[in-house]
């Protein structure tokens, strides 16, 4: 499934998925839009800086409908 993530923050983030049959790691620069293909229902974690260290700051499921304020675009 083709999917797109829009980084609406002013910080660099990393999109990462490490499932049994699928691996992806993409960098999203501030205000950047990143397109990728992934199986439907894949959980993608968004890594960024939080309190001086790297941590998961958000996540989403590929193919799940999102609201207007969310960062993903199908």
N, C-alpha and C. Protein backbone atom coordinates (compact mmCIF):
# COMPACT_ATOMS: atom_id res chain seq x y z
N UNK A 1 0.85 -1.17 0.00
CA UNK A 1 0.00 0.00 0.00
C UNK A 1 0.90 1.24 0.00
N UNK A 2 0.59 2.18 -0.87
CA UNK A 2 1.35 3.43 -0.90
C UNK A 2 0.84 4.34 0.21
N UNK A 3 1.77 4.97 0.91
CA UNK A 3 1.41 5.81 2.05
C UNK A 3 2.32 7.02 2.08
N UNK A 4 1.87 8.09 2.70
CA UNK A 4 2.63 9.32 2.77
C UNK A 4 2.55 9.87 4.19
N UNK A 5 3.68 10.34 4.70
CA UNK A 5 3.74 10.95 6.03
C UNK A 5 4.23 12.38 5.89
N UNK A 6 3.52 13.31 6.51
CA UNK A 6 3.91 14.72 6.48
C UNK A 6 4.42 15.10 7.86
N UNK A 7 5.69 15.42 7.96
CA UNK A 7 6.28 15.86 9.22
C UNK A 7 5.94 17.33 9.41
N UNK A 8 4.99 17.61 10.27
CA UNK A 8 4.54 18.98 10.49
C UNK A 8 5.32 19.68 11.60
N UNK A 9 6.32 19.01 12.14
CA UNK A 9 7.11 19.61 13.21
C UNK A 9 8.33 20.32 12.64
N UNK A 10 9.02 21.06 13.50
CA UNK A 10 10.24 21.76 13.07
C UNK A 10 11.49 20.95 13.44
N UNK A 11 11.31 19.65 13.66
CA UNK A 11 12.43 18.77 14.02
C UNK A 11 12.49 17.57 13.08
N UNK A 12 13.69 17.06 12.89
CA UNK A 12 13.89 15.86 12.10
C UNK A 12 13.34 14.66 12.86
N UNK A 13 12.66 13.75 12.16
CA UNK A 13 12.17 12.52 12.78
C UNK A 13 12.55 11.34 11.88
N UNK A 14 12.52 10.14 12.45
CA UNK A 14 12.79 8.92 11.71
C UNK A 14 11.56 8.03 11.79
N UNK A 15 11.08 7.58 10.62
CA UNK A 15 9.98 6.63 10.56
C UNK A 15 10.60 5.25 10.51
N UNK A 16 10.15 4.36 11.41
CA UNK A 16 10.78 3.04 11.47
C UNK A 16 9.75 1.96 11.72
N UNK A 17 9.89 0.87 10.97
CA UNK A 17 9.05 -0.30 11.14
C UNK A 17 9.96 -1.51 11.08
N UNK A 18 9.81 -2.41 12.04
CA UNK A 18 10.64 -3.61 12.09
C UNK A 18 9.75 -4.80 12.40
N UNK A 19 8.98 -5.21 11.39
CA UNK A 19 8.10 -6.36 11.56
C UNK A 19 8.75 -7.60 10.95
N UNK A 20 8.13 -8.74 11.16
CA UNK A 20 8.73 -10.01 10.72
C UNK A 20 9.06 -10.04 9.23
N UNK A 21 8.16 -9.58 8.38
CA UNK A 21 8.38 -9.66 6.94
C UNK A 21 8.52 -8.30 6.26
N UNK A 22 8.73 -7.25 7.05
CA UNK A 22 8.84 -5.91 6.47
C UNK A 22 9.72 -5.04 7.36
N UNK A 23 10.67 -4.34 6.74
CA UNK A 23 11.53 -3.41 7.46
C UNK A 23 11.61 -2.11 6.66
N UNK A 24 11.51 -1.00 7.36
CA UNK A 24 11.61 0.30 6.71
C UNK A 24 12.19 1.30 7.70
N UNK A 25 13.03 2.18 7.19
CA UNK A 25 13.55 3.28 7.99
C UNK A 25 13.72 4.47 7.05
N UNK A 26 13.03 5.56 7.34
CA UNK A 26 13.06 6.76 6.49
C UNK A 26 13.25 7.98 7.38
N UNK A 27 13.98 8.95 6.87
CA UNK A 27 14.18 10.22 7.57
C UNK A 27 13.20 11.24 7.01
N UNK A 28 12.53 11.96 7.89
CA UNK A 28 11.64 13.05 7.48
C UNK A 28 12.18 14.35 8.07
N UNK A 29 12.65 15.21 7.20
CA UNK A 29 13.15 16.51 7.64
C UNK A 29 11.97 17.39 8.05
N UNK A 30 12.23 18.48 8.78
CA UNK A 30 11.13 19.36 9.20
C UNK A 30 10.26 19.79 8.02
N UNK A 31 8.97 19.66 8.18
CA UNK A 31 7.95 20.05 7.21
C UNK A 31 8.04 19.26 5.89
N UNK A 32 8.75 18.15 5.91
CA UNK A 32 8.94 17.30 4.73
C UNK A 32 7.78 16.30 4.60
N UNK A 33 7.54 15.84 3.36
CA UNK A 33 6.56 14.80 3.11
C UNK A 33 7.32 13.60 2.55
N UNK A 34 7.13 12.43 3.17
CA UNK A 34 7.84 11.22 2.79
C UNK A 34 6.82 10.19 2.29
N UNK A 35 7.04 9.66 1.08
CA UNK A 35 6.18 8.62 0.52
C UNK A 35 6.89 7.28 0.64
N UNK A 36 6.12 6.23 0.89
CA UNK A 36 6.69 4.89 0.97
C UNK A 36 5.60 3.85 0.74
N UNK A 37 6.02 2.63 0.46
CA UNK A 37 5.09 1.52 0.33
C UNK A 37 5.28 0.59 1.51
N UNK A 38 4.16 0.11 2.06
CA UNK A 38 4.19 -0.80 3.19
C UNK A 38 2.92 -1.64 3.18
N UNK A 39 2.99 -2.83 3.74
CA UNK A 39 1.77 -3.63 3.84
C UNK A 39 0.72 -2.93 4.70
N UNK A 40 -0.55 -3.10 4.33
CA UNK A 40 -1.64 -2.53 5.14
C UNK A 40 -1.53 -3.08 6.56
N UNK A 41 -1.92 -2.28 7.53
CA UNK A 41 -1.92 -2.61 8.96
C UNK A 41 -0.52 -2.67 9.58
N UNK A 42 0.49 -2.20 8.86
CA UNK A 42 1.84 -2.14 9.42
C UNK A 42 1.91 -0.99 10.41
N UNK A 43 2.48 -1.24 11.59
CA UNK A 43 2.64 -0.19 12.59
C UNK A 43 3.99 0.49 12.37
N UNK A 44 3.95 1.81 12.21
CA UNK A 44 5.16 2.60 11.99
C UNK A 44 5.38 3.49 13.21
N UNK A 45 6.59 3.44 13.73
CA UNK A 45 6.95 4.27 14.89
C UNK A 45 7.72 5.49 14.42
N UNK A 46 7.43 6.61 15.04
CA UNK A 46 8.11 7.87 14.73
C UNK A 46 9.07 8.17 15.88
N UNK A 47 10.35 8.20 15.55
CA UNK A 47 11.39 8.45 16.53
C UNK A 47 11.88 9.89 16.41
N UNK A 48 12.13 10.51 17.55
CA UNK A 48 12.65 11.87 17.56
C UNK A 48 13.30 12.16 18.90
N UNK A 49 13.79 13.36 19.05
CA UNK A 49 14.42 13.75 20.31
C UNK A 49 13.36 14.16 21.32
N UNK A 50 13.53 13.67 22.53
CA UNK A 50 12.61 13.98 23.62
C UNK A 50 13.43 14.08 24.90
N UNK A 51 13.49 15.25 25.49
CA UNK A 51 14.24 15.47 26.73
C UNK A 51 15.71 15.07 26.60
N UNK A 52 16.33 15.37 25.48
CA UNK A 52 17.74 15.13 25.30
C UNK A 52 18.13 13.74 24.84
N UNK A 53 17.17 12.86 24.62
CA UNK A 53 17.49 11.52 24.12
C UNK A 53 16.52 11.13 23.01
N UNK A 54 16.85 10.08 22.29
CA UNK A 54 16.01 9.61 21.20
C UNK A 54 14.94 8.68 21.78
N UNK A 55 13.68 8.90 21.35
CA UNK A 55 12.57 8.10 21.86
C UNK A 55 11.46 8.03 20.83
N UNK A 56 10.57 7.08 21.00
CA UNK A 56 9.38 7.01 20.16
C UNK A 56 8.46 8.14 20.59
N UNK A 57 8.15 9.04 19.65
CA UNK A 57 7.31 10.18 19.99
C UNK A 57 5.89 10.04 19.45
N UNK A 58 5.68 9.09 18.53
CA UNK A 58 4.35 8.86 17.97
C UNK A 58 4.37 7.57 17.17
N UNK A 59 3.21 7.13 16.72
CA UNK A 59 3.12 5.96 15.85
C UNK A 59 1.83 6.04 15.06
N UNK A 60 1.76 5.26 14.00
CA UNK A 60 0.52 5.16 13.23
C UNK A 60 0.48 3.81 12.54
N UNK A 61 -0.71 3.45 12.06
CA UNK A 61 -0.91 2.19 11.35
C UNK A 61 -1.20 2.52 9.89
N UNK A 62 -0.43 1.92 8.98
CA UNK A 62 -0.61 2.14 7.55
C UNK A 62 -2.00 1.67 7.14
N UNK A 63 -2.73 2.54 6.45
CA UNK A 63 -4.07 2.21 5.97
C UNK A 63 -5.18 2.65 6.89
N UNK A 64 -4.84 3.05 8.12
CA UNK A 64 -5.86 3.50 9.05
C UNK A 64 -6.24 4.94 8.72
N UNK A 65 -7.52 5.21 8.65
CA UNK A 65 -8.01 6.55 8.35
C UNK A 65 -7.61 7.50 9.47
N UNK A 66 -7.14 8.69 9.09
CA UNK A 66 -6.69 9.68 10.06
C UNK A 66 -7.56 10.93 9.99
N UNK A 67 -7.58 11.69 11.07
CA UNK A 67 -8.33 12.93 11.14
C UNK A 67 -7.59 14.06 10.45
N UNK A 68 -8.23 15.22 10.30
CA UNK A 68 -7.63 16.34 9.56
C UNK A 68 -6.40 16.94 10.23
N UNK A 69 -6.23 16.77 11.54
CA UNK A 69 -5.07 17.35 12.23
C UNK A 69 -3.89 16.40 12.28
N UNK A 70 -4.04 15.17 11.79
CA UNK A 70 -2.98 14.19 11.85
C UNK A 70 -2.00 14.38 10.70
N UNK A 71 -0.85 13.74 10.80
CA UNK A 71 0.26 13.97 9.88
C UNK A 71 0.25 13.08 8.65
N UNK A 72 -0.58 12.09 8.57
CA UNK A 72 -0.52 11.14 7.48
C UNK A 72 -1.49 11.51 6.37
N UNK A 73 -1.08 11.23 5.16
CA UNK A 73 -1.91 11.45 3.98
C UNK A 73 -1.85 10.18 3.16
N UNK A 74 -2.99 9.69 2.67
CA UNK A 74 -2.97 8.48 1.85
C UNK A 74 -2.82 8.82 0.40
